[in-house]
Amino acid sequence: MAKGTHNYLEDSRNKNIKIYVNGKILHRVDASISVFDSGFLLGDGVWEGIRFLNGELVFLDEHLKRLFFGAKQLDINIGYSPKELVKIIHKTLNVNNMENDIHIRIIVSRGLKKTPYQHPNVNIQGSTLVIIPEYKKADKKINEMGIHLVTVNIRRGTAETQDPRLNTLSKLNCILACIEADKAGGDEGIMLDINGNVSTCNSTNFFIIKNGEVWTSKGMYCLPGITRKMVVNICKEKNIPIYEKDFKIEDVYSADEAFVTGTFAGIIPAINIDSYKISNGIRGKLTHKLQKYYSEKLMLLYPKI
């Protein structure tokens, strides 16, 4: 089972899932791409993770917008319109007879190369599209019990180096941050930006609460998280002071509460950061309230859930 923010309940059905690979739907043991694929050779591509709950693709438009934006920034032609891609997603789900508690990973790479070289002029055909649907039900204990975070040395880059706002396959800095955090005993790593301000965690967005105010980074050096945006909007709707601002790790240590957000598990309390207890080591009251507001928002947008 995955650790921390991606805790899920094991499901034996995943042994027999069928995966979409470039127009074919294959059993997972047969699903593969070429060693000459741009994604394998260079991490050259984009991806999205989407939840499928009670027949609903949650925040589908937002995920597709981010996917196609990222592909455009990388000058990758996905080869399908958003509407065509949705049909392929549903086709893959239907073949698997999937109805609920599904997590879908969509991967798009620049495609096949005739030789291992970074320049796109050696690509010989269109993009590669892979869709992996899995039975993944989030372990809700983590939303109540919380996680431990540690500050890592790996920094977030800039748009002039490798734009951290794009959901690309090139995740080396996040992987290194994850490894560093794991070795330090944390569930995730808090990553600072190039100016030493708190930016994000290695796979989730990060928030603190101080004196009734909710703080998160300005977003210049982190992925524009869809759940992150939902929390910002919820705070505005509920007249909860919300600030997207620069702040230091020392501000985190004196926070009243802290939490992270992500597509898979929603809102998760952070109860220990660099060995500092946050909210006395338990889920804070406002964090709990935001979790309820988020669940209510999901129910409003997707009544079947």
C-alpha atoms as a PDB file:
ATOM      1  CA  MET A   1       0.000   0.000   0.000  1.00  0.00           C
ATOM      2  CA  ALA A   2       1.220   3.511  -0.800  1.00  0.00           C
ATOM      3  CA  LYS A   3       2.335   5.669   2.101  1.00  0.00           C
ATOM      4  CA  GLY A   4       0.978   8.930   3.455  1.00  0.00           C
ATOM      5  CA  THR A   5      -1.183  11.074   1.194  1.00  0.00           C
ATOM      6  CA  HIS A   6      -1.798   8.228  -1.235  1.00  0.00           C
ATOM      7  CA  ASN A   7      -2.892   5.542   1.217  1.00  0.00           C
ATOM      8  CA  TYR A   8      -5.438   3.295  -0.453  1.00  0.00           C
ATOM      9  CA  LEU A   9      -7.163   0.004   0.235  1.00  0.00           C
ATOM     10  CA  GLU A  10      -5.623  -2.908  -1.655  1.00  0.00           C
ATOM     11  CA  ASP A  11      -7.938  -4.444  -4.271  1.00  0.00           C
ATOM     12  CA  SER A  12      -7.213  -7.809  -5.896  1.00  0.00           C
ATOM     13  CA  ARG A  13      -9.205  -6.792  -8.992  1.00  0.00           C
ATOM     14  CA  ASN A  14      -6.266  -4.641 -10.069  1.00  0.00           C
ATOM     15  CA  LYS A  15      -4.408  -7.806 -11.070  1.00  0.00           C
ATOM     16  CA  ASN A  16      -6.718  -8.143 -14.051  1.00  0.00           C
ATOM     17  CA  ILE A  17      -7.327  -4.587 -15.186  1.00  0.00           C
ATOM     18  CA  LYS A  18      -7.259  -3.698 -18.877  1.00  0.00           C
ATOM     19  CA  ILE A  19      -5.215  -0.714 -20.003  1.00  0.00           C
ATOM     20  CA  TYR A  20      -5.536   1.498 -23.055  1.00  0.00           C
ATOM     21  CA  VAL A  21      -2.313   1.793 -25.073  1.00  0.00           C
ATOM     22  CA  ASN A  22      -2.395   3.667 -28.404  1.00  0.00           C
ATOM     23  CA  GLY A  23      -5.724   2.382 -29.637  1.00  0.00           C
ATOM     24  CA  LYS A  24      -5.505  -1.068 -28.070  1.00  0.00           C
ATOM     25  CA  ILE A  25      -6.965  -2.264 -24.790  1.00  0.00           C
ATOM     26  CA  LEU A  26      -4.658  -4.813 -23.209  1.00  0.00           C
ATOM     27  CA  HIS A  27      -4.462  -6.889 -20.044  1.00  0.00           C
ATOM     28  CA  ARG A  28      -2.026  -5.276 -17.631  1.00  0.00           C
ATOM     29  CA  VAL A  29       0.596  -8.012 -18.163  1.00  0.00           C
ATOM     30  CA  ASP A  30       0.577  -7.249 -21.893  1.00  0.00           C
ATOM     31  CA  ALA A  31       0.375  -3.457 -21.662  1.00  0.00           C
ATOM     32  CA  SER A  32       3.709  -1.934 -22.673  1.00  0.00           C
ATOM     33  CA  ILE A  33       5.383   0.776 -24.734  1.00  0.00           C
ATOM     34  CA  SER A  34       8.612   0.771 -26.751  1.00  0.00           C
ATOM     35  CA  VAL A  35      11.968   1.468 -25.129  1.00  0.00           C
ATOM     36  CA  PHE A  36      12.247   4.147 -27.829  1.00  0.00           C
ATOM     37  CA  ASP A  37       9.242   6.038 -26.477  1.00  0.00           C
ATOM     38  CA  SER A  38       9.932   9.650 -25.514  1.00  0.00           C
ATOM     39  CA  GLY A  39       8.305   9.174 -22.128  1.00  0.00           C
ATOM     40  CA  PHE A  40      10.580   6.279 -21.216  1.00  0.00           C
ATOM     41  CA  LEU A  41      13.743   7.788 -22.686  1.00  0.00           C
ATOM     42  CA  LEU A  42      13.375  11.360 -21.473  1.00  0.00           C
ATOM     43  CA  GLY A  43      10.283  11.799 -19.291  1.00  0.00           C
ATOM     44  CA  ASP A  44       8.965  13.841 -22.214  1.00  0.00           C
ATOM     45  CA  GLY A  45       5.237  14.111 -21.705  1.00  0.00           C
ATOM     46  CA  VAL A  46       2.351  15.114 -19.457  1.00  0.00           C
ATOM     47  CA  TRP A  47      -0.153  13.282 -17.259  1.00  0.00           C
ATOM     48  CA  GLU A  48      -3.285  13.648 -15.168  1.00  0.00           C
ATOM     49  CA  GLY A  49      -4.939  11.661 -12.396  1.00  0.00           C
ATOM     50  CA  ILE A  50      -8.755  11.656 -12.368  1.00  0.00           C
ATOM     51  CA  ARG A  51     -11.178  10.030  -9.929  1.00  0.00           C
ATOM     52  CA  PHE A  52     -14.245   8.131 -11.166  1.00  0.00           C
ATOM     53  CA  LEU A  53     -16.907   7.983  -8.461  1.00  0.00           C
ATOM     54  CA  ASN A  54     -20.395   6.514  -8.955  1.00  0.00           C
ATOM     55  CA  GLY A  55     -20.243   7.021 -12.691  1.00  0.00           C
ATOM     56  CA  GLU A  56     -18.837  10.565 -12.490  1.00  0.00           C
ATOM     57  CA  LEU A  57     -15.432  11.754 -13.713  1.00  0.00           C
ATOM     58  CA  VAL A  58     -14.689  14.239 -10.938  1.00  0.00           C
ATOM     59  CA  PHE A  59     -13.504  17.711 -12.027  1.00  0.00           C
ATOM     60  CA  LEU A  60     -13.089  16.367 -15.553  1.00  0.00           C
ATOM     61  CA  ASP A  61     -13.038  19.748 -17.305  1.00  0.00           C
ATOM     62  CA  GLU A  62     -10.373  21.099 -14.956  1.00  0.00           C
ATOM     63  CA  HIS A  63      -8.157  18.046 -15.419  1.00  0.00           C
ATOM     64  CA  LEU A  64      -8.492  18.087 -19.211  1.00  0.00           C
ATOM     65  CA  LYS A  65      -7.746  21.806 -19.308  1.00  0.00           C
ATOM     66  CA  ARG A  66      -4.536  21.256 -17.340  1.00  0.00           C
ATOM     67  CA  LEU A  67      -3.551  18.256 -19.473  1.00  0.00           C
ATOM     68  CA  PHE A  68      -4.031  20.052 -22.788  1.00  0.00           C
ATOM     69  CA  PHE A  69      -2.375  23.221 -21.492  1.00  0.00           C
ATOM     70  CA  GLY A  70       0.681  21.250 -20.409  1.00  0.00           C
ATOM     71  CA  ALA A  71       0.864  19.446 -23.742  1.00  0.00           C
ATOM     72  CA  LYS A  72       0.650  22.755 -25.599  1.00  0.00           C
ATOM     73  CA  GLN A  73       3.454  24.241 -23.514  1.00  0.00           C
ATOM     74  CA  LEU A  74       5.616  21.225 -24.386  1.00  0.00           C
ATOM     75  CA  ASP A  75       4.555  21.473 -28.042  1.00  0.00           C
ATOM     76  CA  ILE A  76       3.039  17.974 -27.925  1.00  0.00           C
ATOM     77  CA  ASN A  77       0.026  17.198 -30.092  1.00  0.00           C
ATOM     78  CA  ILE A  78      -2.129  14.816 -28.060  1.00  0.00           C
ATOM     79  CA  GLY A  79      -3.802  13.686 -31.265  1.00  0.00           C
ATOM     80  CA  TYR A  80      -7.338  13.812 -29.876  1.00  0.00           C
ATOM     81  CA  SER A  81      -9.771  16.541 -28.924  1.00  0.00           C
ATOM     82  CA  PRO A  82     -10.933  16.692 -25.293  1.00  0.00           C
ATOM     83  CA  LYS A  83     -14.271  15.197 -26.334  1.00  0.00           C
ATOM     84  CA  GLU A  84     -12.548  12.303 -28.157  1.00  0.00           C
ATOM     85  CA  LEU A  85     -10.306  11.678 -25.164  1.00  0.00           C
ATOM     86  CA  VAL A  86     -13.316  11.455 -22.847  1.00  0.00           C
ATOM     87  CA  LYS A  87     -14.837   8.807 -25.123  1.00  0.00           C
ATOM     88  CA  ILE A  88     -11.619   6.784 -24.892  1.00  0.00           C
ATOM     89  CA  ILE A  89     -11.633   7.085 -21.105  1.00  0.00           C
ATOM     90  CA  HIS A  90     -15.218   5.815 -20.910  1.00  0.00           C
ATOM     91  CA  LYS A  91     -14.437   3.012 -23.358  1.00  0.00           C
ATOM     92  CA  THR A  92     -11.584   1.880 -21.111  1.00  0.00           C
ATOM     93  CA  LEU A  93     -13.785   2.046 -18.011  1.00  0.00           C
ATOM     94  CA  ASN A  94     -16.603   0.137 -19.730  1.00  0.00           C
ATOM     95  CA  VAL A  95     -14.310  -2.656 -20.859  1.00  0.00           C
ATOM     96  CA  ASN A  96     -13.268  -3.048 -17.226  1.00  0.00           C
ATOM     97  CA  ASN A  97     -16.893  -2.855 -15.987  1.00  0.00           C
ATOM     98  CA  MET A  98     -15.810  -0.120 -13.597  1.00  0.00           C
ATOM     99  CA  GLU A  99     -18.390   2.002 -11.776  1.00  0.00           C
ATOM    100  CA  ASN A 100     -16.943   3.436  -8.563  1.00  0.00           C
ATOM    101  CA  ASP A 101     -13.797   4.171  -6.536  1.00  0.00           C
ATOM    102  CA  ILE A 102     -11.568   4.275  -9.601  1.00  0.00           C
ATOM    103  CA  HIS A 103      -8.410   6.296 -10.075  1.00  0.00           C
ATOM    104  CA  ILE A 104      -7.464   6.941 -13.703  1.00  0.00           C
ATOM    105  CA  ARG A 105      -3.959   7.862 -14.814  1.00  0.00           C
ATOM    106  CA  ILE A 106      -3.757   9.466 -18.261  1.00  0.00           C
ATOM    107  CA  ILE A 107      -0.260   9.602 -19.738  1.00  0.00           C
ATOM    108  CA  VAL A 108       0.686  11.359 -22.951  1.00  0.00           C
ATOM    109  CA  SER A 109       4.259  11.286 -24.267  1.00  0.00           C
ATOM    110  CA  ARG A 110       5.757  12.828 -27.386  1.00  0.00           C
ATOM    111  CA  GLY A 111       5.803   9.349 -28.858  1.00  0.00           C
ATOM    112  CA  LEU A 112       8.235   7.028 -30.597  1.00  0.00           C
ATOM    113  CA  LYS A 113      11.782   8.003 -31.595  1.00  0.00           C
ATOM    114  CA  LYS A 114      14.000   6.409 -34.212  1.00  0.00           C
ATOM    115  CA  THR A 115      17.034   6.802 -31.936  1.00  0.00           C
ATOM    116  CA  PRO A 116      17.582   7.767 -28.279  1.00  0.00           C
ATOM    117  CA  TYR A 117      18.046  11.531 -28.629  1.00  0.00           C
ATOM    118  CA  GLN A 118      16.270  14.454 -27.025  1.00  0.00           C
ATOM    119  CA  HIS A 119      15.461  16.542 -30.107  1.00  0.00           C
ATOM    120  CA  PRO A 120      11.857  16.113 -31.309  1.00  0.00           C
ATOM    121  CA  ASN A 121      13.093  15.942 -34.898  1.00  0.00           C
ATOM    122  CA  VAL A 122      13.953  12.266 -34.338  1.00  0.00           C
ATOM    123  CA  ASN A 123      10.366  11.435 -33.415  1.00  0.00           C
ATOM    124  CA  ILE A 124       8.814   9.275 -36.103  1.00  0.00           C
ATOM    125  CA  GLN A 125       5.117   9.226 -35.308  1.00  0.00           C
ATOM    126  CA  GLY A 126       2.451  10.866 -33.178  1.00  0.00           C
ATOM    127  CA  SER A 127       2.106  10.958 -29.420  1.00  0.00           C
ATOM    128  CA  THR A 128       1.699   7.937 -27.164  1.00  0.00           C
ATOM    129  CA  LEU A 129      -1.518   7.742 -25.138  1.00  0.00           C
ATOM    130  CA  VAL A 130      -1.886   5.413 -22.164  1.00  0.00           C
ATOM    131  CA  ILE A 131      -4.883   5.222 -19.806  1.00  0.00           C
ATOM    132  CA  ILE A 132      -4.552   3.161 -16.616  1.00  0.00           C
ATOM    133  CA  PRO A 133      -7.740   2.723 -14.548  1.00  0.00           C
ATOM    134  CA  GLU A 134      -7.315   1.149 -11.112  1.00  0.00           C
ATOM    135  CA  TYR A 135      -9.608   0.236  -8.255  1.00  0.00           C
ATOM    136  CA  LYS A 136      -8.350   2.674  -5.642  1.00  0.00           C
ATOM    137  CA  LYS A 137     -10.401   3.626  -2.640  1.00  0.00           C
ATOM    138  CA  ALA A 138      -8.698   6.194  -0.440  1.00  0.00           C
ATOM    139  CA  ASP A 139      -7.987   5.120   3.124  1.00  0.00           C
ATOM    140  CA  LYS A 140     -10.040   7.755   4.947  1.00  0.00           C
ATOM    141  CA  LYS A 141      -8.175   7.154   8.218  1.00  0.00           C
ATOM    142  CA  ILE A 142      -5.461   9.447   6.917  1.00  0.00           C
ATOM    143  CA  ASN A 143      -7.966  12.311   6.566  1.00  0.00           C
ATOM    144  CA  GLU A 144      -8.668  12.062  10.284  1.00  0.00           C
ATOM    145  CA  MET A 145      -5.320  10.979  11.738  1.00  0.00           C
ATOM    146  CA  GLY A 146      -3.116  13.221   9.598  1.00  0.00           C
ATOM    147  CA  ILE A 147       0.436  12.974   8.304  1.00  0.00           C
ATOM    148  CA  HIS A 148       3.980  13.942   9.243  1.00  0.00           C
ATOM    149  CA  LEU A 149       5.924  16.319   6.991  1.00  0.00           C
ATOM    150  CA  VAL A 150       9.584  17.249   6.817  1.00  0.00           C
ATOM    151  CA  THR A 151      11.293  20.119   5.044  1.00  0.00           C
ATOM    152  CA  VAL A 152      13.609  18.863   2.311  1.00  0.00           C
ATOM    153  CA  ASN A 153      16.637  20.444   0.640  1.00  0.00           C
ATOM    154  CA  ILE A 154      15.367  19.902  -2.904  1.00  0.00           C
ATOM    155  CA  ARG A 155      13.953  23.196  -4.209  1.00  0.00           C
ATOM    156  CA  ARG A 156      11.222  23.972  -6.692  1.00  0.00           C
ATOM    157  CA  GLY A 157      12.508  25.270 -10.015  1.00  0.00           C
ATOM    158  CA  THR A 158      11.394  28.194 -12.127  1.00  0.00           C
ATOM    159  CA  ALA A 159       9.561  28.546 -15.415  1.00  0.00           C
ATOM    160  CA  GLU A 160      12.933  29.412 -16.968  1.00  0.00           C
ATOM    161  CA  THR A 161      14.403  26.044 -15.964  1.00  0.00           C
ATOM    162  CA  GLN A 162      11.637  23.424 -15.729  1.00  0.00           C
ATOM    163  CA  ASP A 163       8.250  24.977 -15.132  1.00  0.00           C
ATOM    164  CA  PRO A 164       6.932  23.515 -11.832  1.00  0.00           C
ATOM    165  CA  ARG A 165       3.398  24.545 -12.786  1.00  0.00           C
ATOM    166  CA  LEU A 166       3.247  21.911 -15.544  1.00  0.00           C
ATOM    167  CA  ASN A 167       2.218  18.330 -14.775  1.00  0.00           C
ATOM    168  CA  THR A 168       5.010  16.709 -16.758  1.00  0.00           C
ATOM    169  CA  LEU A 169       6.448  13.207 -16.678  1.00  0.00           C
ATOM    170  CA  SER A 170       9.770  14.760 -15.636  1.00  0.00           C
ATOM    171  CA  LYS A 171       9.360  14.487 -11.852  1.00  0.00           C
ATOM    172  CA  LEU A 172      12.967  14.031 -10.751  1.00  0.00           C
ATOM    173  CA  ASN A 173      13.015  16.851  -8.201  1.00  0.00           C
ATOM    174  CA  CYS A 174       9.752  15.619  -6.656  1.00  0.00           C
ATOM    175  CA  ILE A 175      11.077  12.052  -6.565  1.00  0.00           C
ATOM    176  CA  LEU A 176      14.273  13.180  -4.859  1.00  0.00           C
ATOM    177  CA  ALA A 177      12.208  15.212  -2.388  1.00  0.00           C
ATOM    178  CA  CYS A 178      10.056  12.150  -1.726  1.00  0.00           C
ATOM    179  CA  ILE A 179      13.132   9.987  -1.083  1.00  0.00           C
ATOM    180  CA  GLU A 180      14.670  12.596   1.201  1.00  0.00           C
ATOM    181  CA  ALA A 181      11.436  12.925   3.166  1.00  0.00           C
ATOM    182  CA  ASP A 182      11.068   9.171   3.473  1.00  0.00           C
ATOM    183  CA  LYS A 183      14.604   8.763   4.824  1.00  0.00           C
ATOM    184  CA  ALA A 184      13.853  11.488   7.379  1.00  0.00           C
ATOM    185  CA  GLY A 185      10.714   9.658   8.500  1.00  0.00           C
ATOM    186  CA  GLY A 186       8.180  11.954   6.842  1.00  0.00           C
ATOM    187  CA  ASP A 187       5.157  11.052   4.760  1.00  0.00           C
ATOM    188  CA  GLU A 188       5.921  13.873   2.333  1.00  0.00           C
ATOM    189  CA  GLY A 189       8.472  16.628   1.921  1.00  0.00           C
ATOM    190  CA  ILE A 190       7.809  20.365   2.131  1.00  0.00           C
ATOM    191  CA  MET A 191       9.649  22.009  -0.752  1.00  0.00           C
ATOM    192  CA  LEU A 192      10.819  25.621  -0.686  1.00  0.00           C
ATOM    193  CA  ASP A 193      11.063  27.853  -3.744  1.00  0.00           C
ATOM    194  CA  ILE A 194      14.252  29.506  -5.014  1.00  0.00           C
ATOM    195  CA  ASN A 195      13.681  32.422  -2.633  1.00  0.00           C
ATOM    196  CA  GLY A 196      13.381  30.208   0.444  1.00  0.00           C
ATOM    197  CA  ASN A 197       9.623  30.563   0.759  1.00  0.00           C
ATOM    198  CA  VAL A 198       7.342  27.583   1.372  1.00  0.00           C
ATOM    199  CA  SER A 199       6.002  26.387  -1.977  1.00  0.00           C
ATOM    200  CA  THR A 200       4.398  22.947  -1.940  1.00  0.00           C
ATOM    201  CA  CYS A 201       4.863  19.333  -0.950  1.00  0.00           C
ATOM    202  CA  ASN A 202       6.373  16.802  -3.323  1.00  0.00           C
ATOM    203  CA  SER A 203       2.966  15.463  -4.440  1.00  0.00           C
ATOM    204  CA  THR A 204       0.366  17.685  -2.754  1.00  0.00           C
ATOM    205  CA  ASN A 205      -0.294  21.391  -2.213  1.00  0.00           C
ATOM    206  CA  PHE A 206       0.374  22.838   1.227  1.00  0.00           C
ATOM    207  CA  PHE A 207      -1.647  25.181   3.493  1.00  0.00           C
ATOM    208  CA  ILE A 208      -1.310  26.557   7.000  1.00  0.00           C
ATOM    209  CA  ILE A 209      -3.823  28.256   9.290  1.00  0.00           C
ATOM    210  CA  LYS A 210      -2.782  31.136  11.575  1.00  0.00           C
ATOM    211  CA  ASN A 211      -5.207  33.114  13.723  1.00  0.00           C
ATOM    212  CA  GLY A 212      -8.168  31.998  11.637  1.00  0.00           C
ATOM    213  CA  GLU A 213      -6.467  32.857   8.329  1.00  0.00           C
ATOM    214  CA  VAL A 214      -5.658  30.251   5.691  1.00  0.00           C
ATOM    215  CA  TRP A 215      -2.305  30.699   3.932  1.00  0.00           C
ATOM    216  CA  THR A 216      -0.880  29.000   0.879  1.00  0.00           C
ATOM    217  CA  SER A 217       1.895  29.921  -1.530  1.00  0.00           C
ATOM    218  CA  LYS A 218       1.442  32.355  -4.401  1.00  0.00           C
ATOM    219  CA  GLY A 219       1.483  29.365  -6.740  1.00  0.00           C
ATOM    220  CA  MET A 220       4.389  30.490  -8.917  1.00  0.00           C
ATOM    221  CA  TYR A 221       6.473  27.436  -8.087  1.00  0.00           C
ATOM    222  CA  CYS A 222       3.867  24.740  -7.568  1.00  0.00           C
ATOM    223  CA  LEU A 223       1.412  22.724  -9.591  1.00  0.00           C
ATOM    224  CA  PRO A 224      -1.931  24.540  -9.937  1.00  0.00           C
ATOM    225  CA  GLY A 225      -3.756  21.904  -7.937  1.00  0.00           C
ATOM    226  CA  ILE A 226      -7.436  21.433  -8.666  1.00  0.00           C
ATOM    227  CA  THR A 227      -8.246  20.591  -5.034  1.00  0.00           C
ATOM    228  CA  ARG A 228      -6.059  23.537  -4.004  1.00  0.00           C
ATOM    229  CA  LYS A 229      -8.202  25.829  -6.145  1.00  0.00           C
ATOM    230  CA  MET A 230     -11.363  24.329  -4.641  1.00  0.00           C
ATOM    231  CA  VAL A 231     -10.154  25.095  -1.115  1.00  0.00           C
ATOM    232  CA  VAL A 232      -9.292  28.684  -2.074  1.00  0.00           C
ATOM    233  CA  ASN A 233     -12.768  29.126  -3.589  1.00  0.00           C
ATOM    234  CA  ILE A 234     -14.490  27.513  -0.600  1.00  0.00           C
ATOM    235  CA  CYS A 235     -12.706  29.891   1.774  1.00  0.00           C
ATOM    236  CA  LYS A 236     -13.865  32.865  -0.279  1.00  0.00           C
ATOM    237  CA  GLU A 237     -17.454  31.567  -0.374  1.00  0.00           C
ATOM    238  CA  LYS A 238     -17.493  30.949   3.384  1.00  0.00           C
ATOM    239  CA  ASN A 239     -15.811  34.271   4.228  1.00  0.00           C
ATOM    240  CA  ILE A 240     -12.775  32.515   5.660  1.00  0.00           C
ATOM    241  CA  PRO A 241      -9.723  34.778   5.194  1.00  0.00           C
ATOM    242  CA  ILE A 242      -7.505  33.159   2.532  1.00  0.00           C
ATOM    243  CA  TYR A 243      -4.129  34.497   1.414  1.00  0.00           C
ATOM    244  CA  GLU A 244      -1.909  33.298  -1.411  1.00  0.00           C
ATOM    245  CA  LYS A 245       1.343  34.758  -0.172  1.00  0.00           C
ATOM    246  CA  ASP A 246       5.025  34.228   0.538  1.00  0.00           C
ATOM    247  CA  PHE A 247       5.857  32.775   3.943  1.00  0.00           C
ATOM    248  CA  LYS A 248       8.785  31.017   5.588  1.00  0.00           C
ATOM    249  CA  ILE A 249       9.116  27.623   7.224  1.00  0.00           C
ATOM    250  CA  GLU A 250       9.338  29.403  10.603  1.00  0.00           C
ATOM    251  CA  ASP A 251       5.765  30.599  10.009  1.00  0.00           C
ATOM    252  CA  VAL A 252       4.781  26.971   9.585  1.00  0.00           C
ATOM    253  CA  TYR A 253       6.241  25.944  12.931  1.00  0.00           C
ATOM    254  CA  SER A 254       4.058  28.486  14.723  1.00  0.00           C
ATOM    255  CA  ALA A 255       0.921  27.669  12.710  1.00  0.00           C
ATOM    256  CA  ASP A 256      -2.285  26.721  14.488  1.00  0.00           C
ATOM    257  CA  GLU A 257      -3.113  24.096  11.862  1.00  0.00           C
ATOM    258  CA  ALA A 258      -1.740  22.745   8.586  1.00  0.00           C
ATOM    259  CA  PHE A 259      -3.035  20.543   5.807  1.00  0.00           C
ATOM    260  CA  VAL A 260      -2.299  19.346   2.300  1.00  0.00           C
ATOM    261  CA  THR A 261      -4.599  18.897  -0.690  1.00  0.00           C
ATOM    262  CA  GLY A 262      -4.629  16.502  -3.618  1.00  0.00           C
ATOM    263  CA  THR A 263      -6.892  14.859  -6.173  1.00  0.00           C
ATOM    264  CA  PHE A 264      -6.800  11.422  -4.582  1.00  0.00           C
ATOM    265  CA  ALA A 265      -7.478  12.026  -0.890  1.00  0.00           C
ATOM    266  CA  GLY A 266      -8.843  15.573  -0.814  1.00  0.00           C
ATOM    267  CA  ILE A 267      -7.811  17.452   2.351  1.00  0.00           C
ATOM    268  CA  ILE A 268      -5.376  15.812   4.786  1.00  0.00           C
ATOM    269  CA  PRO A 269      -4.254  17.325   8.120  1.00  0.00           C
ATOM    270  CA  ALA A 270      -0.524  17.749   8.734  1.00  0.00           C
ATOM    271  CA  ILE A 271      -0.065  17.206  12.453  1.00  0.00           C
ATOM    272  CA  ASN A 272       3.731  17.084  12.754  1.00  0.00           C
ATOM    273  CA  ILE A 273       6.207  19.173  10.744  1.00  0.00           C
ATOM    274  CA  ASP A 274       9.955  18.873  11.303  1.00  0.00           C
ATOM    275  CA  SER A 275       9.145  17.407  14.749  1.00  0.00           C
ATOM    276  CA  TYR A 276       6.974  20.413  15.652  1.00  0.00           C
ATOM    277  CA  LYS A 277       3.503  19.367  16.764  1.00  0.00           C
ATOM    278  CA  ILE A 278       0.797  21.222  14.866  1.00  0.00           C
ATOM    279  CA  SER A 279      -2.649  21.617  16.437  1.00  0.00           C
ATOM    280  CA  ASN A 280      -1.443  19.509  19.397  1.00  0.00           C
ATOM    281  CA  GLY A 281      -0.822  16.612  17.047  1.00  0.00           C
ATOM    282  CA  ILE A 282      -4.450  16.205  16.005  1.00  0.00           C
ATOM    283  CA  ARG A 283      -6.677  17.413  13.160  1.00  0.00           C
ATOM    284  CA  GLY A 284      -7.546  21.062  13.690  1.00  0.00           C
ATOM    285  CA  LYS A 285     -11.078  22.419  13.893  1.00  0.00           C
ATOM    286  CA  LEU A 286     -10.905  24.624  10.801  1.00  0.00           C
ATOM    287  CA  THR A 287      -9.217  21.859   8.806  1.00  0.00           C
ATOM    288  CA  HIS A 288     -12.079  19.544   9.773  1.00  0.00           C
ATOM    289  CA  LYS A 289     -14.599  22.221   8.788  1.00  0.00           C
ATOM    290  CA  LEU A 290     -12.905  22.655   5.392  1.00  0.00           C
ATOM    291  CA  GLN A 291     -13.052  18.892   4.858  1.00  0.00           C
ATOM    292  CA  LYS A 292     -16.803  19.011   5.432  1.00  0.00           C
ATOM    293  CA  TYR A 293     -17.221  21.992   3.110  1.00  0.00           C
ATOM    294  CA  TYR A 294     -15.211  20.176   0.440  1.00  0.00           C
ATOM    295  CA  SER A 295     -17.376  17.041   0.766  1.00  0.00           C
ATOM    296  CA  GLU A 296     -20.511  19.169   0.543  1.00  0.00           C
ATOM    297  CA  LYS A 297     -19.160  20.853  -2.579  1.00  0.00           C
ATOM    298  CA  LEU A 298     -18.537  17.480  -4.196  1.00  0.00           C
ATOM    299  CA  MET A 299     -22.072  16.373  -3.364  1.00  0.00           C
ATOM    300  CA  LEU A 300     -23.468  19.577  -4.820  1.00  0.00           C
ATOM    301  CA  LEU A 301     -21.499  19.291  -8.052  1.00  0.00           C
ATOM    302  CA  TYR A 302     -21.873  15.524  -8.342  1.00  0.00           C
ATOM    303  CA  PRO A 303     -25.118  14.446  -6.595  1.00  0.00           C
ATOM    304  CA  LYS A 304     -24.530  10.759  -7.323  1.00  0.00           C
ATOM    305  CA  ILE A 305     -21.381  10.675  -5.219  1.00  0.00           C
END
